[in-house]
Amino acid sequence: MDVRYPSIEMLAERAKRRMPGFAYDYLTGGCFSDINLARNTKEIRDIQLRPYYLRKFNGASQQTTLFGKTYDAPFGIAPVGLQGLMWPKSCEILAEAAKQHNIPFCLSTVGTASIETISEITEGDFWFQLYHPKANELRDKLLERAAQAGCKTLVLLADTPTFAYRPKEIRNGLSIPPQMTLANLLQIATHPRWAIEQLFAGSPEFKTMKPYIPNGLNMQHLGLFMNKTFSGRLTEDKIKAVRDQWKGNLVIKGIVNPEDAELAIRLGADGLIVSNHGGRQLDCGESTIKPLTELAKKYSDRVTLMMDGGIRSGADIASSLASGAKFTFLGRAPMFGACAMGAKGGNQALEILKRQIQQVMEQVGCEKIEDFPQHLIDQSSK
């Protein structure tokens, strides 16, 4: 680990210096006034853990079994769209880091590496998040490609029924349709390392979607095409159709209430990810930790319950696990590593998180990941 940047916060500071402002805003921003973005992390950090210092302690293991596979840590890399815009080849960098650290990497439909490229990097050991297309024919093609590439776990996205209103992205010309403003060009000129890396990597593209995008579209028409292709709300019928076709694990992401959880379980979901899309969709919504705590009381023995959103450190991961998550995912934290340190940044971020989790486990006397709830201090009575 590079001792100059021993925390995710320090990686974020370095990333901000190396990235054009529009790219940094895209990575860090929420929607509207960023209220739920801040609430996500704040309320995770309201969680408190109880240490036991005089108990017998045989050491701590982070190994976690999920859908029959054992991982070396209780977290994975969440799907992030347009990674290559934030730092060139960051999608591939993080997939490689995930493979080396034996944790899951989840590729977004709108990521900047293709299903096949990520399959090659991870040797088929990856997850795929599906933005449900409007056309069933396109859905079937994407599912077939994911299965042929070796993907065993499909994540079906539920929390983006509409495109979010994100003021920073609108100002920066990164709304749909996107545009490159003079201000953006000046930002690129003042960040030569990003510009050089981007030159060698090539312009970021939706690589998984590339076979279905008509040739010769300019940026405006590409934006309109993507908008039209992915408009629409996830429904019971859509979930049924995916469940019938997909033979691997099916995870529904974006579940935050019991009604949706009941329906997802009834339709055959193997796992649920409690998520609010990183605070990027609903500013007046709950943080992720609040619904997780409630859903865990009712569904932890019926379905694999996971969480993402607002997690920025090993302590945040520990608090989420203590609150009922069986596993966690992080999007921004690994991206800060890639943006701060390029090819070495994925390993740096994952190593930081693993070391922090290990320290928390050793400090509170938690030997196994599943024992974290025993250390939760109940705040409801205070």
Protein backbone atom coordinates (compact mmCIF):
# COMPACT_ATOMS: atom_id res chain seq x y z
CA MET A 1 0.00 0.00 0.00
CA ASP A 2 1.24 3.48 -0.89
CA VAL A 3 1.63 5.19 2.49
CA ARG A 4 1.11 8.62 0.98
CA TYR A 5 -2.62 7.91 0.58
CA PRO A 6 -3.71 5.61 3.42
CA SER A 7 -7.42 6.55 3.41
CA ILE A 8 -10.25 6.88 0.92
CA GLU A 9 -10.51 10.57 1.85
CA MET A 10 -6.87 11.12 0.87
CA LEU A 11 -7.43 9.30 -2.41
CA ALA A 12 -10.44 11.54 -3.05
CA GLU A 13 -8.34 14.66 -2.47
CA ARG A 14 -5.70 13.48 -4.94
CA ALA A 15 -8.35 12.42 -7.43
CA LYS A 16 -9.88 15.89 -7.36
CA ARG A 17 -6.52 17.44 -8.28
CA ARG A 18 -5.98 15.05 -11.19
CA MET A 19 -9.46 15.11 -12.74
CA PRO A 20 -11.24 17.77 -14.80
CA GLY A 21 -13.96 19.39 -12.72
CA PHE A 22 -16.80 17.97 -14.80
CA ALA A 23 -15.49 14.42 -14.28
CA TYR A 24 -15.08 14.92 -10.54
CA ASP A 25 -18.57 16.39 -10.28
CA TYR A 26 -20.00 13.39 -12.11
CA LEU A 27 -18.30 11.01 -9.69
CA THR A 28 -19.15 12.80 -6.46
CA GLY A 29 -22.48 14.49 -7.16
CA GLY A 30 -25.98 13.53 -6.14
CA CYS A 31 -29.24 15.01 -7.33
CA PHE A 32 -31.03 18.28 -6.55
CA SER A 33 -29.18 19.68 -3.48
CA ASP A 34 -27.09 16.57 -2.58
CA ILE A 35 -29.08 16.15 0.65
CA ASN A 36 -29.53 12.39 0.45
CA LEU A 37 -25.97 12.01 -0.77
CA ALA A 38 -24.76 13.48 2.55
CA ARG A 39 -27.44 11.67 4.57
CA ASN A 40 -26.24 8.29 3.29
CA THR A 41 -22.80 8.47 4.89
CA LYS A 42 -23.85 10.50 7.93
CA GLU A 43 -26.45 8.01 9.10
CA ILE A 44 -24.14 5.03 8.57
CA ARG A 45 -21.73 6.83 10.86
CA ASP A 46 -24.38 7.25 13.52
CA ILE A 47 -24.11 3.48 14.04
CA GLN A 48 -22.02 2.48 17.05
CA LEU A 49 -20.35 -0.86 17.78
CA ARG A 50 -19.65 -2.42 21.18
CA PRO A 51 -16.17 -3.92 21.74
CA TYR A 52 -15.51 -6.89 24.02
CA TYR A 53 -11.99 -6.81 25.40
CA LEU A 54 -11.91 -9.67 27.92
CA ARG A 55 -13.50 -12.40 25.82
CA LYS A 56 -11.45 -15.15 24.27
CA PHE A 57 -10.46 -14.07 20.76
CA ASN A 58 -9.11 -16.46 18.12
CA GLY A 59 -8.42 -13.91 15.40
CA ALA A 60 -10.59 -12.36 12.69
CA SER A 61 -11.42 -13.64 9.22
CA GLN A 62 -13.08 -11.50 6.55
CA GLN A 63 -13.97 -14.46 4.35
CA THR A 64 -17.59 -14.31 3.26
CA THR A 65 -19.63 -16.86 1.33
CA LEU A 66 -22.16 -15.43 -1.09
CA PHE A 67 -24.27 -17.57 -3.44
CA GLY A 68 -21.93 -20.50 -2.88
CA LYS A 69 -18.68 -18.62 -3.58
CA THR A 70 -16.25 -17.59 -0.86
CA TYR A 71 -14.78 -14.10 -1.14
CA ASP A 72 -11.83 -12.68 0.78
CA ALA A 73 -13.71 -9.62 2.05
CA PRO A 74 -17.35 -8.68 2.74
CA PHE A 75 -17.60 -6.07 0.00
CA GLY A 76 -17.57 -5.79 -3.77
CA ILE A 77 -17.21 -3.09 -6.40
CA ALA A 78 -20.58 -1.62 -7.29
CA PRO A 79 -21.65 -0.94 -10.88
CA VAL A 80 -20.77 2.57 -12.01
CA GLY A 81 -21.66 4.08 -15.36
CA LEU A 82 -19.21 5.99 -17.53
CA GLN A 83 -16.13 5.06 -15.48
CA GLY A 84 -13.86 5.83 -18.42
CA LEU A 85 -15.05 9.42 -18.44
CA MET A 86 -13.83 9.87 -14.85
CA TRP A 87 -10.50 8.14 -15.43
CA PRO A 88 -9.44 6.33 -18.60
CA LYS A 89 -9.63 2.53 -18.37
CA SER A 90 -10.84 2.73 -14.76
CA CYS A 91 -13.45 0.05 -15.41
CA GLU A 92 -10.74 -2.40 -16.44
CA ILE A 93 -8.45 -1.25 -13.59
CA LEU A 94 -11.10 -2.00 -10.98
CA ALA A 95 -12.08 -5.33 -12.51
CA GLU A 96 -8.44 -6.41 -12.36
CA ALA A 97 -8.14 -5.26 -8.74
CA ALA A 98 -11.31 -7.12 -7.79
CA LYS A 99 -9.94 -10.29 -9.35
CA GLN A 100 -6.64 -9.96 -7.47
CA HIS A 101 -8.41 -9.37 -4.15
CA ASN A 102 -11.04 -12.08 -4.74
CA ILE A 103 -14.07 -9.85 -4.39
CA PRO A 104 -16.98 -9.42 -6.84
CA PHE A 105 -16.88 -6.80 -9.57
CA CYS A 106 -20.24 -5.71 -10.96
CA LEU A 107 -20.33 -4.25 -14.47
CA SER A 108 -23.00 -1.72 -15.42
CA THR A 109 -24.86 -1.89 -18.72
CA VAL A 110 -23.62 1.66 -19.29
CA GLY A 111 -20.05 0.97 -18.21
CA THR A 112 -17.11 1.77 -20.48
CA ALA A 113 -15.86 -1.79 -20.83
CA SER A 114 -17.74 -4.56 -22.58
CA ILE A 115 -19.14 -7.71 -21.00
CA GLU A 116 -16.56 -9.73 -22.91
CA THR A 117 -13.60 -7.59 -21.79
CA ILE A 118 -14.59 -7.82 -18.13
CA SER A 119 -15.13 -11.56 -18.51
CA GLU A 120 -11.61 -11.93 -19.86
CA ILE A 121 -10.10 -9.86 -17.03
CA THR A 122 -12.02 -11.69 -14.29
CA GLU A 123 -11.97 -15.12 -15.96
CA GLY A 124 -15.76 -15.08 -16.01
CA ASP A 125 -16.07 -14.27 -12.31
CA PHE A 126 -18.11 -11.05 -12.43
CA TRP A 127 -21.61 -9.72 -11.86
CA PHE A 128 -23.65 -7.82 -14.43
CA GLN A 129 -26.13 -5.06 -13.65
CA LEU A 130 -28.91 -4.75 -16.20
CA TYR A 131 -30.58 -1.45 -16.95
CA HIS A 132 -33.77 -2.98 -18.31
CA PRO A 133 -34.13 -1.89 -21.95
CA LYS A 134 -37.43 -0.83 -23.39
CA ALA A 135 -37.16 -3.54 -26.05
CA ASN A 136 -37.30 -7.16 -24.87
CA GLU A 137 -35.17 -8.22 -27.82
CA LEU A 138 -32.28 -6.10 -26.56
CA ARG A 139 -32.80 -7.44 -23.05
CA ASP A 140 -32.52 -11.01 -24.32
CA LYS A 141 -29.33 -10.26 -26.24
CA LEU A 142 -27.68 -8.72 -23.19
CA LEU A 143 -28.67 -11.62 -20.94
CA GLU A 144 -27.38 -14.12 -23.50
CA ARG A 145 -24.04 -12.32 -23.74
CA ALA A 146 -23.68 -12.18 -19.96
CA ALA A 147 -24.42 -15.89 -19.61
CA GLN A 148 -22.02 -16.83 -22.41
CA ALA A 149 -19.32 -14.72 -20.74
CA GLY A 150 -19.59 -16.79 -17.56
CA CYS A 151 -21.56 -14.35 -15.41
CA LYS A 152 -23.35 -16.18 -12.60
CA THR A 153 -25.08 -13.25 -10.89
CA LEU A 154 -27.40 -10.78 -12.59
CA VAL A 155 -28.32 -7.54 -10.84
CA LEU A 156 -31.60 -6.06 -12.04
CA LEU A 157 -31.82 -2.33 -11.38
CA ALA A 158 -35.06 -1.05 -9.86
CA ASP A 159 -34.27 2.45 -8.60
CA THR A 160 -33.94 4.42 -11.86
CA PRO A 161 -37.48 4.67 -13.28
CA THR A 162 -36.59 8.17 -14.50
CA PHE A 163 -33.45 10.11 -15.31
CA ALA A 164 -32.41 12.17 -12.31
CA TYR A 165 -32.21 15.94 -12.15
CA ARG A 166 -28.54 16.61 -11.38
CA PRO A 167 -27.69 20.31 -11.51
CA LYS A 168 -23.91 19.88 -11.68
CA GLU A 169 -24.17 17.55 -14.66
CA ILE A 170 -26.56 19.92 -16.42
CA ARG A 171 -24.16 22.82 -15.86
CA ASN A 172 -21.24 20.72 -17.10
CA GLY A 173 -23.04 19.54 -20.21
CA LEU A 174 -23.20 15.92 -19.01
CA SER A 175 -26.96 15.66 -19.07
CA ILE A 176 -28.81 13.76 -21.78
CA PRO A 177 -28.02 14.72 -24.50
CA PRO A 178 -24.42 15.48 -23.49
CA GLN A 179 -22.30 18.30 -24.85
CA MET A 180 -18.71 19.48 -24.46
CA THR A 181 -18.61 23.10 -23.35
CA LEU A 182 -15.77 25.59 -23.55
CA ALA A 183 -15.44 25.38 -19.77
CA ASN A 184 -14.99 21.61 -20.01
CA LEU A 185 -12.32 22.00 -22.69
CA LEU A 186 -10.44 24.43 -20.46
CA GLN A 187 -10.63 21.95 -17.59
CA ILE A 188 -9.17 19.24 -19.79
CA ALA A 189 -6.33 21.53 -20.85
CA THR A 190 -5.40 22.15 -17.22
CA HIS A 191 -5.33 18.43 -16.39
CA PRO A 192 -2.78 17.07 -18.87
CA ARG A 193 -2.32 13.66 -17.25
CA TRP A 194 -6.03 12.89 -17.63
CA ALA A 195 -5.95 14.21 -21.20
CA ILE A 196 -2.92 12.12 -22.17
CA GLU A 197 -4.34 8.96 -20.61
CA GLN A 198 -7.63 9.61 -22.39
CA LEU A 199 -5.82 10.10 -25.69
CA PHE A 200 -4.19 6.68 -25.43
CA ALA A 201 -7.36 4.99 -24.14
CA GLY A 202 -9.65 6.57 -26.71
CA SER A 203 -12.89 8.39 -26.08
CA PRO A 204 -15.08 6.66 -23.48
CA GLU A 205 -17.89 4.64 -25.02
CA PHE A 206 -20.74 2.46 -23.83
CA LYS A 207 -18.82 -0.63 -24.91
CA THR A 208 -21.45 -3.21 -23.97
CA MET A 209 -24.06 -1.24 -25.88
CA LYS A 210 -21.84 -0.47 -28.89
CA PRO A 211 -23.17 -3.31 -31.13
CA TYR A 212 -26.68 -1.88 -30.85
CA ILE A 213 -25.88 1.80 -31.39
CA PRO A 214 -26.26 3.00 -35.00
CA ASN A 215 -23.01 4.11 -36.61
CA GLY A 216 -22.25 7.77 -37.09
CA LEU A 217 -24.31 9.23 -34.27
CA ASN A 218 -23.03 12.52 -32.94
CA MET A 219 -23.05 13.13 -29.18
CA GLN A 220 -26.49 14.69 -29.23
CA HIS A 221 -28.08 11.84 -31.12
CA LEU A 222 -26.24 9.25 -29.02
CA GLY A 223 -27.74 10.82 -25.92
CA LEU A 224 -31.20 10.73 -27.41
CA PHE A 225 -30.71 7.09 -28.44
CA MET A 226 -29.68 6.05 -24.92
CA ASN A 227 -32.55 8.00 -23.41
CA LYS A 228 -35.06 6.28 -25.66
CA THR A 229 -33.49 2.84 -25.25
CA PHE A 230 -33.60 2.76 -21.45
CA SER A 231 -36.71 4.72 -20.61
CA GLY A 232 -39.26 2.77 -18.63
CA ARG A 233 -40.02 1.43 -15.16
CA LEU A 234 -39.21 -2.04 -13.84
CA THR A 235 -42.43 -4.02 -13.44
CA GLU A 236 -43.56 -7.38 -12.11
CA ASP A 237 -43.90 -8.75 -15.65
CA LYS A 238 -40.37 -7.64 -16.54
CA ILE A 239 -38.93 -9.32 -13.46
CA LYS A 240 -40.84 -12.51 -14.23
CA ALA A 241 -39.50 -12.59 -17.77
CA VAL A 242 -35.91 -12.09 -16.61
CA ARG A 243 -36.30 -14.73 -13.89
CA ASP A 244 -37.61 -17.23 -16.44
CA GLN A 245 -34.69 -16.61 -18.77
CA TRP A 246 -31.82 -16.14 -16.32
CA LYS A 247 -30.55 -19.43 -14.87
CA GLY A 248 -28.04 -17.92 -12.44
CA ASN A 249 -28.45 -15.85 -9.30
CA LEU A 250 -30.91 -12.97 -9.61
CA VAL A 251 -30.45 -9.89 -7.43
CA ILE A 252 -32.81 -6.89 -7.37
CA LYS A 253 -31.03 -3.61 -6.60
CA GLY A 254 -32.77 -0.55 -5.20
CA ILE A 255 -35.15 -2.19 -2.71
CA VAL A 256 -36.00 0.12 0.21
CA ASN A 257 -39.45 -0.93 1.45
CA PRO A 258 -41.20 -4.15 2.59
CA GLU A 259 -43.77 -4.13 -0.22
CA ASP A 260 -41.08 -4.23 -2.90
CA ALA A 261 -39.07 -6.76 -0.91
CA GLU A 262 -42.04 -9.12 -0.62
CA LEU A 263 -42.74 -8.91 -4.34
CA ALA A 264 -39.09 -9.43 -5.32
CA ILE A 265 -38.83 -12.51 -3.10
CA ARG A 266 -42.10 -13.91 -4.42
CA LEU A 267 -40.85 -13.46 -7.99
CA GLY A 268 -37.75 -15.54 -7.25
CA ALA A 269 -35.03 -13.05 -6.34
CA ASP A 270 -32.06 -14.72 -4.67
CA GLY A 271 -30.77 -11.46 -3.23
CA LEU A 272 -31.75 -7.85 -2.60
CA ILE A 273 -29.46 -4.83 -2.55
CA VAL A 274 -30.78 -2.04 -0.37
CA SER A 275 -29.74 1.03 -2.34
CA ASN A 276 -30.78 4.56 -3.27
CA HIS A 277 -28.40 4.77 -6.24
CA GLY A 278 -25.75 6.53 -4.20
CA GLY A 279 -28.11 9.42 -3.39
CA ARG A 280 -28.29 10.26 -7.11
CA GLN A 281 -32.01 9.71 -7.74
CA LEU A 282 -34.20 10.93 -4.83
CA ASP A 283 -32.98 13.77 -2.65
CA CYS A 284 -35.92 13.51 -0.25
CA GLY A 285 -35.57 9.75 0.21
CA GLU A 286 -34.18 7.74 3.11
CA SER A 287 -30.54 6.91 3.57
CA THR A 288 -29.62 3.31 2.82
CA ILE A 289 -28.89 2.26 6.41
CA LYS A 290 -32.43 3.09 7.65
CA PRO A 291 -34.40 0.72 5.39
CA LEU A 292 -31.65 -1.91 5.68
CA THR A 293 -32.11 -2.04 9.46
CA GLU A 294 -35.86 -2.54 9.10
CA LEU A 295 -35.73 -4.99 6.21
CA ALA A 296 -33.11 -7.12 7.96
CA LYS A 297 -35.47 -7.76 10.87
CA LYS A 298 -38.03 -9.31 8.55
CA TYR A 299 -36.17 -10.78 5.60
CA SER A 300 -32.64 -11.74 6.65
CA ASP A 301 -33.60 -15.42 6.87
CA ARG A 302 -35.53 -15.41 3.57
CA VAL A 303 -33.15 -13.75 1.13
CA THR A 304 -29.53 -12.60 0.88
CA LEU A 305 -29.70 -8.97 1.95
CA MET A 306 -26.95 -6.59 0.79
CA MET A 307 -26.43 -2.83 0.81
CA ASP A 308 -24.68 -0.07 -1.09
CA GLY A 309 -24.72 3.72 -0.93
CA GLY A 310 -22.80 6.00 1.41
CA ILE A 311 -20.10 3.48 2.34
CA ARG A 312 -16.68 5.14 2.28
CA SER A 313 -14.52 3.19 4.76
CA GLY A 314 -13.96 -0.13 6.45
CA ALA A 315 -15.77 1.20 9.50
CA ASP A 316 -18.80 2.01 7.31
CA ILE A 317 -18.73 -1.55 5.99
CA ALA A 318 -18.59 -2.89 9.55
CA SER A 319 -21.54 -0.72 10.61
CA SER A 320 -23.58 -1.90 7.61
CA LEU A 321 -22.85 -5.54 8.39
CA ALA A 322 -23.75 -5.00 12.05
CA SER A 323 -27.05 -3.48 10.91
CA GLY A 324 -28.07 -6.60 9.00
CA ALA A 325 -26.34 -6.60 5.61
CA LYS A 326 -24.75 -9.89 4.59
CA PHE A 327 -22.54 -8.10 2.08
CA THR A 328 -21.84 -4.57 0.88
CA PHE A 329 -20.90 -2.76 -2.33
CA LEU A 330 -18.97 0.46 -2.91
CA GLY A 331 -18.88 2.58 -6.05
CA ARG A 332 -17.20 5.91 -5.36
CA ALA A 333 -14.48 4.65 -2.98
CA PRO A 334 -12.78 2.34 -5.51
CA MET A 335 -13.24 4.98 -8.21
CA PHE A 336 -11.36 7.49 -6.05
CA GLY A 337 -8.47 5.03 -6.05
CA ALA A 338 -8.43 4.64 -9.83
CA CYS A 339 -8.75 8.39 -10.40
CA ALA A 340 -6.05 9.19 -7.85
CA MET A 341 -3.45 6.59 -8.82
CA GLY A 342 -4.41 5.14 -12.17
CA ALA A 343 -3.53 1.47 -12.64
CA LYS A 344 -2.34 1.13 -9.04
CA GLY A 345 -5.35 2.84 -7.53
CA GLY A 346 -7.77 -0.06 -7.48
CA ASN A 347 -5.44 -2.15 -5.36
CA GLN A 348 -4.77 0.83 -3.10
CA ALA A 349 -8.44 1.44 -2.37
CA LEU A 350 -9.25 -2.23 -1.78
CA GLU A 351 -6.21 -2.71 0.46
CA ILE A 352 -7.25 0.31 2.57
CA LEU A 353 -10.76 -1.06 3.03
CA LYS A 354 -9.57 -4.55 3.93
CA ARG A 355 -7.07 -3.25 6.47
CA GLN A 356 -9.67 -1.02 8.05
CA ILE A 357 -12.19 -3.86 8.36
CA GLN A 358 -9.53 -6.08 9.90
CA GLN A 359 -8.66 -3.42 12.48
CA VAL A 360 -12.32 -2.96 13.43
CA MET A 361 -12.82 -6.71 13.80
CA GLU A 362 -9.74 -7.09 15.97
CA GLN A 363 -10.66 -4.04 18.05
CA VAL A 364 -14.21 -5.13 18.88
CA GLY A 365 -13.39 -8.84 19.11
CA CYS A 366 -15.39 -10.01 16.08
CA GLU A 367 -14.04 -13.27 14.68
CA LYS A 368 -16.40 -13.75 11.71
CA ILE A 369 -18.29 -11.37 9.46
CA GLU A 370 -21.63 -12.88 10.44
CA ASP A 371 -20.90 -12.03 14.11
CA PHE A 372 -20.99 -8.26 13.53
CA PRO A 373 -24.66 -7.87 14.62
CA GLN A 374 -23.63 -9.05 18.10
CA HIS A 375 -21.62 -5.84 18.41
CA LEU A 376 -24.37 -3.43 17.38
CA ILE A 377 -25.36 -0.91 20.02
CA ASP A 378 -29.12 -0.40 19.82
CA GLN A 379 -29.77 3.33 19.49
CA SER A 380 -33.58 3.07 19.49
CA SER A 381 -33.80 3.07 23.28
CA LYS A 382 -31.74 6.26 23.63
